[in-house]
Amino acid sequence: MLDHAIGYLRCPQCAGDGGLARDGGTIRCAAGHSFDIAKAGYVSLLPAGPAKNAGDSAAMVRARQDFLAAGHFAALAAVVAELAQAAVGDSGPAGCVVDVGAGTGYYLAAVLDRLPGRVGLALDISRNALRVAARAHPMAAAIGCDAWRALPVMTDRADVVLNVFAPRAGAELRRILGPAAQLIVCTPAADHLAELVEPLGMLSVDERKQQRLGHKLGPYFDRVAAIEHRETLRLDHAAVRALAAMGPGSWHTDPPALAAAVAGLPEPAPVTVAVTMTSYRPARR
């Protein structure tokens, strides 16, 4: 899908909107900077210099694939897709859909199913995730980048930007969005996965998360609306292990200790899903 996506990408070295072109297994800009397309189908447009981290590990990505493939977050993905569809309205394909911190591309694929003909850009820093995201949807392209640095997307070309449980840099998100486009940010509510936090030693959610989000994005966006998706899952122990292993807390979790902790939970285990989805429009420049 890279061929259809190239028109929305810009060179991370030049940081200009001159565009990129494909040359066999390479993508090049007019100034001669080149980026190899991986055999798995993604292209890394990380600029020169060290990134903050390498992103999700292979084990985290496998756990996320297992959990999401079982449909546990299907209702959440459907709400995200509905919001994106409403944001676009009846307009035909024009700009792209960008998922910043896309992971495996699960939510982007749900959105693209609702928006036929649109091109999706799955942006992530993890090569492990990009290998999966490259196959997430026929209209999605997987692009390696650092969400905290300049995004390799042309200015004002995105109709919708998704940010689901991912890092966000307000200035760059504002730059890539068209003037009438929307940013959809999904953040966990304070009681998200609350039943698992203490017994499994998972990271808790800051109760001031929404306040901090508004403060961070306020200079660049105007809030349109916020809704909360809430449901209770009933998960077997395998699903609970996958859920715990796919998140950032897994970096500090010992697998045998996690398995022992999960074994002490009821089966099925009730687990609260509580996610706030906030829509923003770009503030006037």
C-alpha atoms as a PDB file:
ATOM      1  CA  MET A   1       0.000   0.000   0.000  1.00  0.00           C
ATOM      2  CA  LEU A   2       3.053   2.269   0.109  1.00  0.00           C
ATOM      3  CA  ASP A   3       2.557   3.427  -3.486  1.00  0.00           C
ATOM      4  CA  HIS A   4      -0.786   5.032  -2.634  1.00  0.00           C
ATOM      5  CA  ALA A   5       0.570   6.527   0.586  1.00  0.00           C
ATOM      6  CA  ILE A   6       3.728   8.150  -0.767  1.00  0.00           C
ATOM      7  CA  GLY A   7       1.879  11.295  -1.828  1.00  0.00           C
ATOM      8  CA  TYR A   8       1.091  12.025   1.812  1.00  0.00           C
ATOM      9  CA  LEU A   9       4.639  11.565   3.098  1.00  0.00           C
ATOM     10  CA  ARG A  10       7.532  13.978   3.413  1.00  0.00           C
ATOM     11  CA  CYS A  11      11.244  13.471   3.849  1.00  0.00           C
ATOM     12  CA  PRO A  12      12.293  13.469   7.515  1.00  0.00           C
ATOM     13  CA  GLN A  13      15.714  14.812   6.568  1.00  0.00           C
ATOM     14  CA  CYS A  14      14.547  17.798   4.511  1.00  0.00           C
ATOM     15  CA  ALA A  15      11.408  18.341   6.619  1.00  0.00           C
ATOM     16  CA  GLY A  16       9.831  19.922   3.571  1.00  0.00           C
ATOM     17  CA  ASP A  17       6.661  19.246   1.623  1.00  0.00           C
ATOM     18  CA  GLY A  18       8.420  18.520  -1.658  1.00  0.00           C
ATOM     19  CA  GLY A  19       7.188  14.951  -1.655  1.00  0.00           C
ATOM     20  CA  LEU A  20       8.739  11.516  -2.023  1.00  0.00           C
ATOM     21  CA  ALA A  21       8.859   9.022  -4.886  1.00  0.00           C
ATOM     22  CA  ARG A  22       9.392   5.282  -5.058  1.00  0.00           C
ATOM     23  CA  ASP A  23      12.407   3.864  -6.847  1.00  0.00           C
ATOM     24  CA  GLY A  24      12.155   0.071  -6.718  1.00  0.00           C
ATOM     25  CA  GLY A  25      12.734  -1.015  -3.141  1.00  0.00           C
ATOM     26  CA  THR A  26      13.616   2.513  -2.023  1.00  0.00           C
ATOM     27  CA  ILE A  27      11.783   5.758  -1.359  1.00  0.00           C
ATOM     28  CA  ARG A  28      13.631   8.953  -2.308  1.00  0.00           C
ATOM     29  CA  CYS A  29      13.135  12.681  -2.010  1.00  0.00           C
ATOM     30  CA  ALA A  30      14.170  15.286  -4.593  1.00  0.00           C
ATOM     31  CA  ALA A  31      17.289  16.090  -2.580  1.00  0.00           C
ATOM     32  CA  GLY A  32      18.484  12.489  -2.826  1.00  0.00           C
ATOM     33  CA  HIS A  33      17.724  11.210   0.678  1.00  0.00           C
ATOM     34  CA  SER A  34      16.684   7.568   0.431  1.00  0.00           C
ATOM     35  CA  PHE A  35      14.881   5.099   2.679  1.00  0.00           C
ATOM     36  CA  ASP A  36      14.748   1.358   2.102  1.00  0.00           C
ATOM     37  CA  ILE A  37      11.448  -0.491   2.119  1.00  0.00           C
ATOM     38  CA  ALA A  38      11.635  -3.455   4.481  1.00  0.00           C
ATOM     39  CA  LYS A  39      10.797  -6.937   3.223  1.00  0.00           C
ATOM     40  CA  ALA A  40       7.829  -6.902   5.619  1.00  0.00           C
ATOM     41  CA  GLY A  41       6.358  -3.982   3.643  1.00  0.00           C
ATOM     42  CA  TYR A  42       6.944  -0.998   5.916  1.00  0.00           C
ATOM     43  CA  VAL A  43       9.380   1.876   5.510  1.00  0.00           C
ATOM     44  CA  SER A  44      11.256   3.591   8.318  1.00  0.00           C
ATOM     45  CA  LEU A  45      11.312   7.389   7.998  1.00  0.00           C
ATOM     46  CA  LEU A  46      13.069   7.981  11.276  1.00  0.00           C
ATOM     47  CA  PRO A  47      15.355  11.012  11.025  1.00  0.00           C
ATOM     48  CA  ALA A  48      19.028  10.752  11.807  1.00  0.00           C
ATOM     49  CA  GLY A  49      19.921  10.627  15.491  1.00  0.00           C
ATOM     50  CA  PRO A  50      18.911   8.420  18.393  1.00  0.00           C
ATOM     51  CA  ALA A  51      15.231   7.782  19.109  1.00  0.00           C
ATOM     52  CA  LYS A  52      13.884   7.795  22.656  1.00  0.00           C
ATOM     53  CA  ASN A  53      13.251   4.053  22.542  1.00  0.00           C
ATOM     54  CA  ALA A  54      12.679   1.127  20.198  1.00  0.00           C
ATOM     55  CA  GLY A  55       8.979   0.850  21.000  1.00  0.00           C
ATOM     56  CA  ASP A  56       7.036  -2.303  21.735  1.00  0.00           C
ATOM     57  CA  SER A  57       8.936  -5.574  21.950  1.00  0.00           C
ATOM     58  CA  ALA A  58       8.108  -8.637  19.874  1.00  0.00           C
ATOM     59  CA  ALA A  59       6.503 -10.261  22.933  1.00  0.00           C
ATOM     60  CA  MET A  60       4.291  -7.210  23.536  1.00  0.00           C
ATOM     61  CA  VAL A  61       3.178  -7.172  19.905  1.00  0.00           C
ATOM     62  CA  ARG A  62       2.362 -10.905  19.944  1.00  0.00           C
ATOM     63  CA  ALA A  63       0.318 -10.463  23.114  1.00  0.00           C
ATOM     64  CA  ARG A  64      -1.545  -7.515  21.567  1.00  0.00           C
ATOM     65  CA  GLN A  65      -2.247  -9.495  18.401  1.00  0.00           C
ATOM     66  CA  ASP A  66      -3.662 -12.386  20.415  1.00  0.00           C
ATOM     67  CA  PHE A  67      -5.822 -10.158  22.586  1.00  0.00           C
ATOM     68  CA  LEU A  68      -7.204  -7.976  19.807  1.00  0.00           C
ATOM     69  CA  ALA A  69      -7.774 -10.879  17.424  1.00  0.00           C
ATOM     70  CA  ALA A  70     -10.084 -12.406  20.024  1.00  0.00           C
ATOM     71  CA  GLY A  71     -12.338  -9.337  19.683  1.00  0.00           C
ATOM     72  CA  HIS A  72     -12.096  -8.097  23.251  1.00  0.00           C
ATOM     73  CA  PHE A  73     -11.698  -4.464  22.161  1.00  0.00           C
ATOM     74  CA  ALA A  74     -13.945  -4.730  19.093  1.00  0.00           C
ATOM     75  CA  ALA A  75     -16.639  -2.533  20.646  1.00  0.00           C
ATOM     76  CA  LEU A  76     -14.041   0.131  21.472  1.00  0.00           C
ATOM     77  CA  ALA A  77     -12.668   0.035  17.922  1.00  0.00           C
ATOM     78  CA  ALA A  78     -16.199   0.400  16.549  1.00  0.00           C
ATOM     79  CA  VAL A  79     -16.754   3.594  18.544  1.00  0.00           C
ATOM     80  CA  VAL A  80     -13.437   5.027  17.320  1.00  0.00           C
ATOM     81  CA  ALA A  81     -14.465   4.209  13.745  1.00  0.00           C
ATOM     82  CA  GLU A  82     -17.871   5.850  14.215  1.00  0.00           C
ATOM     83  CA  LEU A  83     -16.243   9.031  15.508  1.00  0.00           C
ATOM     84  CA  ALA A  84     -13.849   9.116  12.558  1.00  0.00           C
ATOM     85  CA  GLN A  85     -16.682   8.557  10.101  1.00  0.00           C
ATOM     86  CA  ALA A  86     -18.688  11.371  11.695  1.00  0.00           C
ATOM     87  CA  ALA A  87     -15.662  13.665  11.551  1.00  0.00           C
ATOM     88  CA  VAL A  88     -15.272  13.124   7.809  1.00  0.00           C
ATOM     89  CA  GLY A  89     -18.990  13.362   7.085  1.00  0.00           C
ATOM     90  CA  ASP A  90     -20.173  12.902   3.516  1.00  0.00           C
ATOM     91  CA  SER A  91     -17.027  14.226   1.856  1.00  0.00           C
ATOM     92  CA  GLY A  92     -15.318  11.898  -0.586  1.00  0.00           C
ATOM     93  CA  PRO A  93     -11.738  10.671  -0.253  1.00  0.00           C
ATOM     94  CA  ALA A  94      -9.358  13.594  -0.062  1.00  0.00           C
ATOM     95  CA  GLY A  95      -6.857  13.595   2.764  1.00  0.00           C
ATOM     96  CA  CYS A  96      -5.525  10.556   4.564  1.00  0.00           C
ATOM     97  CA  VAL A  97      -6.234   8.982   7.947  1.00  0.00           C
ATOM     98  CA  VAL A  98      -3.191   9.004  10.228  1.00  0.00           C
ATOM     99  CA  ASP A  99      -2.840   6.823  13.322  1.00  0.00           C
ATOM    100  CA  VAL A 100      -0.021   8.142  15.502  1.00  0.00           C
ATOM    101  CA  GLY A 101       1.312   5.354  17.691  1.00  0.00           C
ATOM    102  CA  ALA A 102      -0.689   2.851  15.648  1.00  0.00           C
ATOM    103  CA  GLY A 103       0.851  -0.308  17.060  1.00  0.00           C
ATOM    104  CA  THR A 104      -0.494  -3.226  15.039  1.00  0.00           C
ATOM    105  CA  GLY A 105      -2.886  -0.985  13.094  1.00  0.00           C
ATOM    106  CA  TYR A 106      -5.995  -2.479  14.705  1.00  0.00           C
ATOM    107  CA  TYR A 107      -7.896   0.768  15.226  1.00  0.00           C
ATOM    108  CA  LEU A 108      -6.783   2.242  11.914  1.00  0.00           C
ATOM    109  CA  ALA A 109      -8.123  -0.827  10.097  1.00  0.00           C
ATOM    110  CA  ALA A 110     -11.514  -0.398  11.793  1.00  0.00           C
ATOM    111  CA  VAL A 111     -11.622   3.239  10.666  1.00  0.00           C
ATOM    112  CA  LEU A 112     -10.601   2.451   7.080  1.00  0.00           C
ATOM    113  CA  ASP A 113     -13.397  -0.118   6.872  1.00  0.00           C
ATOM    114  CA  ARG A 114     -15.814   2.778   7.495  1.00  0.00           C
ATOM    115  CA  LEU A 115     -14.087   5.129   5.039  1.00  0.00           C
ATOM    116  CA  PRO A 116     -13.761   3.286   1.708  1.00  0.00           C
ATOM    117  CA  GLY A 117     -11.083   4.607  -0.611  1.00  0.00           C
ATOM    118  CA  ARG A 118      -9.143   6.510   2.021  1.00  0.00           C
ATOM    119  CA  VAL A 119      -5.462   5.879   2.579  1.00  0.00           C
ATOM    120  CA  GLY A 120      -4.296   5.162   6.111  1.00  0.00           C
ATOM    121  CA  LEU A 121      -0.871   5.836   7.598  1.00  0.00           C
ATOM    122  CA  ALA A 122       0.082   3.670  10.574  1.00  0.00           C
ATOM    123  CA  LEU A 123       2.890   5.531  12.335  1.00  0.00           C
ATOM    124  CA  ASP A 124       4.908   3.746  15.007  1.00  0.00           C
ATOM    125  CA  ILE A 125       8.465   3.477  16.220  1.00  0.00           C
ATOM    126  CA  SER A 126       8.406  -0.280  16.858  1.00  0.00           C
ATOM    127  CA  ARG A 127       9.629  -2.396  13.966  1.00  0.00           C
ATOM    128  CA  ASN A 128       7.854  -5.347  15.568  1.00  0.00           C
ATOM    129  CA  ALA A 129       4.539  -3.484  15.399  1.00  0.00           C
ATOM    130  CA  LEU A 130       5.207  -2.136  11.895  1.00  0.00           C
ATOM    131  CA  ARG A 131       5.606  -5.659  10.503  1.00  0.00           C
ATOM    132  CA  VAL A 132       2.049  -6.379  11.623  1.00  0.00           C
ATOM    133  CA  ALA A 133       0.608  -2.966  10.739  1.00  0.00           C
ATOM    134  CA  ALA A 134       1.860  -3.342   7.156  1.00  0.00           C
ATOM    135  CA  ARG A 135      -0.700  -6.152   6.766  1.00  0.00           C
ATOM    136  CA  ALA A 136      -3.483  -4.632   8.866  1.00  0.00           C
ATOM    137  CA  HIS A 137      -5.593  -3.315   5.978  1.00  0.00           C
ATOM    138  CA  PRO A 138      -5.316  -3.152   2.164  1.00  0.00           C
ATOM    139  CA  MET A 139      -5.441   0.664   2.315  1.00  0.00           C
ATOM    140  CA  ALA A 140      -2.958   1.102   5.169  1.00  0.00           C
ATOM    141  CA  ALA A 141       0.775   1.826   4.929  1.00  0.00           C
ATOM    142  CA  ALA A 142       3.104   1.283   7.879  1.00  0.00           C
ATOM    143  CA  ILE A 143       5.646   4.046   8.491  1.00  0.00           C
ATOM    144  CA  GLY A 144       8.398   4.037  11.083  1.00  0.00           C
ATOM    145  CA  CYS A 145       8.742   7.311  12.990  1.00  0.00           C
ATOM    146  CA  ASP A 146       9.065   8.785  16.480  1.00  0.00           C
ATOM    147  CA  ALA A 147       5.828  10.383  17.741  1.00  0.00           C
ATOM    148  CA  TRP A 148       7.847  12.879  19.792  1.00  0.00           C
ATOM    149  CA  ARG A 149       9.703  14.236  16.781  1.00  0.00           C
ATOM    150  CA  ALA A 150       8.664  15.722  13.430  1.00  0.00           C
ATOM    151  CA  LEU A 151       6.167  13.406  11.756  1.00  0.00           C
ATOM    152  CA  PRO A 152       6.926  12.342   8.153  1.00  0.00           C
ATOM    153  CA  VAL A 153       3.503  13.493   6.935  1.00  0.00           C
ATOM    154  CA  MET A 154       2.864  16.445   4.645  1.00  0.00           C
ATOM    155  CA  THR A 155       1.303  19.581   6.125  1.00  0.00           C
ATOM    156  CA  ASP A 156      -2.514  19.866   6.198  1.00  0.00           C
ATOM    157  CA  ARG A 157      -3.033  16.485   4.474  1.00  0.00           C
ATOM    158  CA  ALA A 158      -4.802  14.458   7.174  1.00  0.00           C
ATOM    159  CA  ASP A 159      -8.605  14.438   7.402  1.00  0.00           C
ATOM    160  CA  VAL A 160      -8.540  12.468  10.641  1.00  0.00           C
ATOM    161  CA  VAL A 161      -5.732  11.760  13.079  1.00  0.00           C
ATOM    162  CA  LEU A 162      -6.124   8.940  15.614  1.00  0.00           C
ATOM    163  CA  ASN A 163      -4.190   8.777  18.848  1.00  0.00           C
ATOM    164  CA  VAL A 164      -5.166   5.682  20.824  1.00  0.00           C
ATOM    165  CA  PHE A 165      -3.263   5.107  24.086  1.00  0.00           C
ATOM    166  CA  ALA A 166      -0.203   6.676  22.444  1.00  0.00           C
ATOM    167  CA  PRO A 167       2.214   9.613  22.794  1.00  0.00           C
ATOM    168  CA  ARG A 168       1.126  12.923  21.301  1.00  0.00           C
ATOM    169  CA  ALA A 169       3.017  16.084  20.352  1.00  0.00           C
ATOM    170  CA  GLY A 170       0.436  18.833  19.877  1.00  0.00           C
ATOM    171  CA  ALA A 171       2.341  21.019  17.440  1.00  0.00           C
ATOM    172  CA  GLU A 172       2.999  18.192  14.975  1.00  0.00           C
ATOM    173  CA  LEU A 173      -0.529  16.830  15.201  1.00  0.00           C
ATOM    174  CA  ARG A 174      -1.806  20.321  14.439  1.00  0.00           C
ATOM    175  CA  ARG A 175       0.558  20.691  11.485  1.00  0.00           C
ATOM    176  CA  ILE A 176      -0.518  17.559   9.647  1.00  0.00           C
ATOM    177  CA  LEU A 177      -4.277  18.094  10.096  1.00  0.00           C
ATOM    178  CA  GLY A 178      -6.280  19.957   7.503  1.00  0.00           C
ATOM    179  CA  PRO A 179      -8.119  23.059   8.769  1.00  0.00           C
ATOM    180  CA  ALA A 180     -11.518  21.290   8.922  1.00  0.00           C
ATOM    181  CA  ALA A 181     -10.130  17.940  10.108  1.00  0.00           C
ATOM    182  CA  GLN A 182     -10.335  16.310  13.524  1.00  0.00           C
ATOM    183  CA  LEU A 183      -8.008  14.705  16.025  1.00  0.00           C
ATOM    184  CA  ILE A 184      -9.484  11.816  18.031  1.00  0.00           C
ATOM    185  CA  VAL A 185      -7.613  11.027  21.248  1.00  0.00           C
ATOM    186  CA  CYS A 186      -8.378   7.922  23.306  1.00  0.00           C
ATOM    187  CA  THR A 187      -7.165   7.857  26.894  1.00  0.00           C
ATOM    188  CA  PRO A 188      -7.911   5.441  29.748  1.00  0.00           C
ATOM    189  CA  ALA A 189     -10.265   6.630  32.490  1.00  0.00           C
ATOM    190  CA  ALA A 190      -9.172   6.300  36.111  1.00  0.00           C
ATOM    191  CA  ASP A 191     -10.856   2.911  36.568  1.00  0.00           C
ATOM    192  CA  HIS A 192      -9.741   1.385  33.253  1.00  0.00           C
ATOM    193  CA  LEU A 193      -8.691  -2.233  33.959  1.00  0.00           C
ATOM    194  CA  ALA A 194      -9.044  -1.411  37.658  1.00  0.00           C
ATOM    195  CA  GLU A 195      -9.616  -5.038  38.701  1.00  0.00           C
ATOM    196  CA  LEU A 196      -6.149  -5.978  37.430  1.00  0.00           C
ATOM    197  CA  VAL A 197      -4.015  -3.075  38.609  1.00  0.00           C
ATOM    198  CA  GLU A 198      -3.318  -4.211  42.166  1.00  0.00           C
ATOM    199  CA  PRO A 199      -3.241  -8.031  41.794  1.00  0.00           C
ATOM    200  CA  LEU A 200      -1.055  -7.912  38.672  1.00  0.00           C
ATOM    201  CA  GLY A 201       1.027  -4.859  39.566  1.00  0.00           C
ATOM    202  CA  MET A 202      -0.115  -2.993  36.436  1.00  0.00           C
ATOM    203  CA  LEU A 203       0.332   0.737  35.992  1.00  0.00           C
ATOM    204  CA  SER A 204      -2.513   2.819  37.400  1.00  0.00           C
ATOM    205  CA  VAL A 205      -4.075   5.758  35.538  1.00  0.00           C
ATOM    206  CA  ASP A 206      -3.479   9.305  36.739  1.00  0.00           C
ATOM    207  CA  GLU A 207      -6.843  10.751  37.789  1.00  0.00           C
ATOM    208  CA  ARG A 208      -5.745  14.111  36.307  1.00  0.00           C
ATOM    209  CA  LYS A 209      -5.040  12.600  32.884  1.00  0.00           C
ATOM    210  CA  GLN A 210      -7.824  14.485  31.101  1.00  0.00           C
ATOM    211  CA  GLN A 211      -6.773  17.752  32.700  1.00  0.00           C
ATOM    212  CA  ARG A 212      -3.181  17.223  31.593  1.00  0.00           C
ATOM    213  CA  LEU A 213      -4.342  16.271  28.102  1.00  0.00           C
ATOM    214  CA  GLY A 214      -6.325  19.485  27.740  1.00  0.00           C
ATOM    215  CA  HIS A 215      -3.412  21.545  28.983  1.00  0.00           C
ATOM    216  CA  LYS A 216      -1.024  19.883  26.538  1.00  0.00           C
ATOM    217  CA  LEU A 217      -3.227  20.179  23.454  1.00  0.00           C
ATOM    218  CA  GLY A 218      -4.905  23.478  24.330  1.00  0.00           C
ATOM    219  CA  PRO A 219      -2.462  25.756  22.485  1.00  0.00           C
ATOM    220  CA  TYR A 220      -3.049  23.865  19.223  1.00  0.00           C
ATOM    221  CA  PHE A 221      -6.625  22.559  19.332  1.00  0.00           C
ATOM    222  CA  ASP A 222     -10.165  23.400  20.352  1.00  0.00           C
ATOM    223  CA  ARG A 223     -12.074  20.586  22.002  1.00  0.00           C
ATOM    224  CA  VAL A 224     -15.212  19.515  20.117  1.00  0.00           C
ATOM    225  CA  ALA A 225     -16.658  16.807  22.366  1.00  0.00           C
ATOM    226  CA  ALA A 226     -15.759  13.969  24.700  1.00  0.00           C
ATOM    227  CA  ILE A 227     -17.542  10.674  25.229  1.00  0.00           C
ATOM    228  CA  GLU A 228     -16.762   7.684  27.416  1.00  0.00           C
ATOM    229  CA  HIS A 229     -16.884   4.095  26.296  1.00  0.00           C
ATOM    230  CA  ARG A 230     -17.525   1.747  29.201  1.00  0.00           C
ATOM    231  CA  GLU A 231     -18.078  -1.999  29.324  1.00  0.00           C
ATOM    232  CA  THR A 232     -17.204  -5.002  31.463  1.00  0.00           C
ATOM    233  CA  LEU A 233     -15.286  -7.842  29.848  1.00  0.00           C
ATOM    234  CA  ARG A 234     -15.221 -11.359  31.225  1.00  0.00           C
ATOM    235  CA  LEU A 235     -11.808 -12.744  30.376  1.00  0.00           C
ATOM    236  CA  ASP A 236     -10.270 -16.157  30.777  1.00  0.00           C
ATOM    237  CA  HIS A 237      -6.785 -16.368  32.218  1.00  0.00           C
ATOM    238  CA  ALA A 238      -5.088 -16.537  28.813  1.00  0.00           C
ATOM    239  CA  ALA A 239      -6.749 -13.273  27.778  1.00  0.00           C
ATOM    240  CA  VAL A 240      -5.779 -11.611  31.076  1.00  0.00           C
ATOM    241  CA  ARG A 241      -2.155 -12.645  30.582  1.00  0.00           C
ATOM    242  CA  ALA A 242      -2.188 -11.221  27.061  1.00  0.00           C
ATOM    243  CA  LEU A 243      -3.787  -7.979  28.257  1.00  0.00           C
ATOM    244  CA  ALA A 244      -1.162  -7.517  30.948  1.00  0.00           C
ATOM    245  CA  ALA A 245       1.686  -8.453  28.604  1.00  0.00           C
ATOM    246  CA  MET A 246       0.740  -6.077  25.794  1.00  0.00           C
ATOM    247  CA  GLY A 247       0.953  -2.840  27.780  1.00  0.00           C
ATOM    248  CA  PRO A 248       3.885  -0.677  28.913  1.00  0.00           C
ATOM    249  CA  GLY A 249       3.890  -2.236  32.362  1.00  0.00           C
ATOM    250  CA  SER A 250       5.131  -5.477  30.820  1.00  0.00           C
ATOM    251  CA  TRP A 251       8.639  -4.017  30.625  1.00  0.00           C
ATOM    252  CA  HIS A 252       8.796  -4.405  34.411  1.00  0.00           C
ATOM    253  CA  THR A 253       6.903  -7.699  34.750  1.00  0.00           C
ATOM    254  CA  ASP A 254       8.418 -11.123  35.338  1.00  0.00           C
ATOM    255  CA  PRO A 255       6.436 -13.648  33.204  1.00  0.00           C
ATOM    256  CA  PRO A 256       6.392 -16.443  35.835  1.00  0.00           C
ATOM    257  CA  ALA A 257       5.278 -13.968  38.498  1.00  0.00           C
ATOM    258  CA  LEU A 258       2.567 -12.655  36.167  1.00  0.00           C
ATOM    259  CA  ALA A 259       1.327 -16.181  35.460  1.00  0.00           C
ATOM    260  CA  ALA A 260       1.145 -16.920  39.177  1.00  0.00           C
ATOM    261  CA  ALA A 261      -0.765 -13.695  39.847  1.00  0.00           C
ATOM    262  CA  VAL A 262      -3.233 -14.382  37.037  1.00  0.00           C
ATOM    263  CA  ALA A 263      -3.829 -17.894  38.378  1.00  0.00           C
ATOM    264  CA  GLY A 264      -5.111 -16.308  41.585  1.00  0.00           C
ATOM    265  CA  LEU A 265      -7.859 -14.396  39.773  1.00  0.00           C
ATOM    266  CA  PRO A 266     -11.379 -15.737  39.225  1.00  0.00           C
ATOM    267  CA  GLU A 267     -12.091 -17.239  35.831  1.00  0.00           C
ATOM    268  CA  PRO A 268     -13.635 -15.627  33.957  1.00  0.00           C
ATOM    269  CA  ALA A 269     -12.304 -12.406  35.471  1.00  0.00           C
ATOM    270  CA  PRO A 270     -14.467  -9.267  35.255  1.00  0.00           C
ATOM    271  CA  VAL A 271     -12.422  -6.407  33.771  1.00  0.00           C
ATOM    272  CA  THR A 272     -13.613  -2.829  33.345  1.00  0.00           C
ATOM    273  CA  VAL A 273     -12.943  -1.078  30.058  1.00  0.00           C
ATOM    274  CA  ALA A 274     -13.297   2.681  30.529  1.00  0.00           C
ATOM    275  CA  VAL A 275     -11.915   4.902  27.790  1.00  0.00           C
ATOM    276  CA  THR A 276     -12.469   8.606  27.161  1.00  0.00           C
ATOM    277  CA  MET A 277     -12.548   9.621  23.497  1.00  0.00           C
ATOM    278  CA  THR A 278     -12.027  13.325  22.921  1.00  0.00           C
ATOM    279  CA  SER A 279     -12.409  15.020  19.542  1.00  0.00           C
ATOM    280  CA  TYR A 280     -10.498  18.196  18.686  1.00  0.00           C
ATOM    281  CA  ARG A 281     -10.425  20.637  15.798  1.00  0.00           C
ATOM    282  CA  PRO A 282      -7.296  22.599  14.919  1.00  0.00           C
ATOM    283  CA  ALA A 283      -7.216  26.001  16.559  1.00  0.00           C
ATOM    284  CA  ARG A 284      -7.044  28.894  14.154  1.00  0.00           C
ATOM    285  CA  ARG A 285      -3.490  29.869  13.339  1.00  0.00           C
END
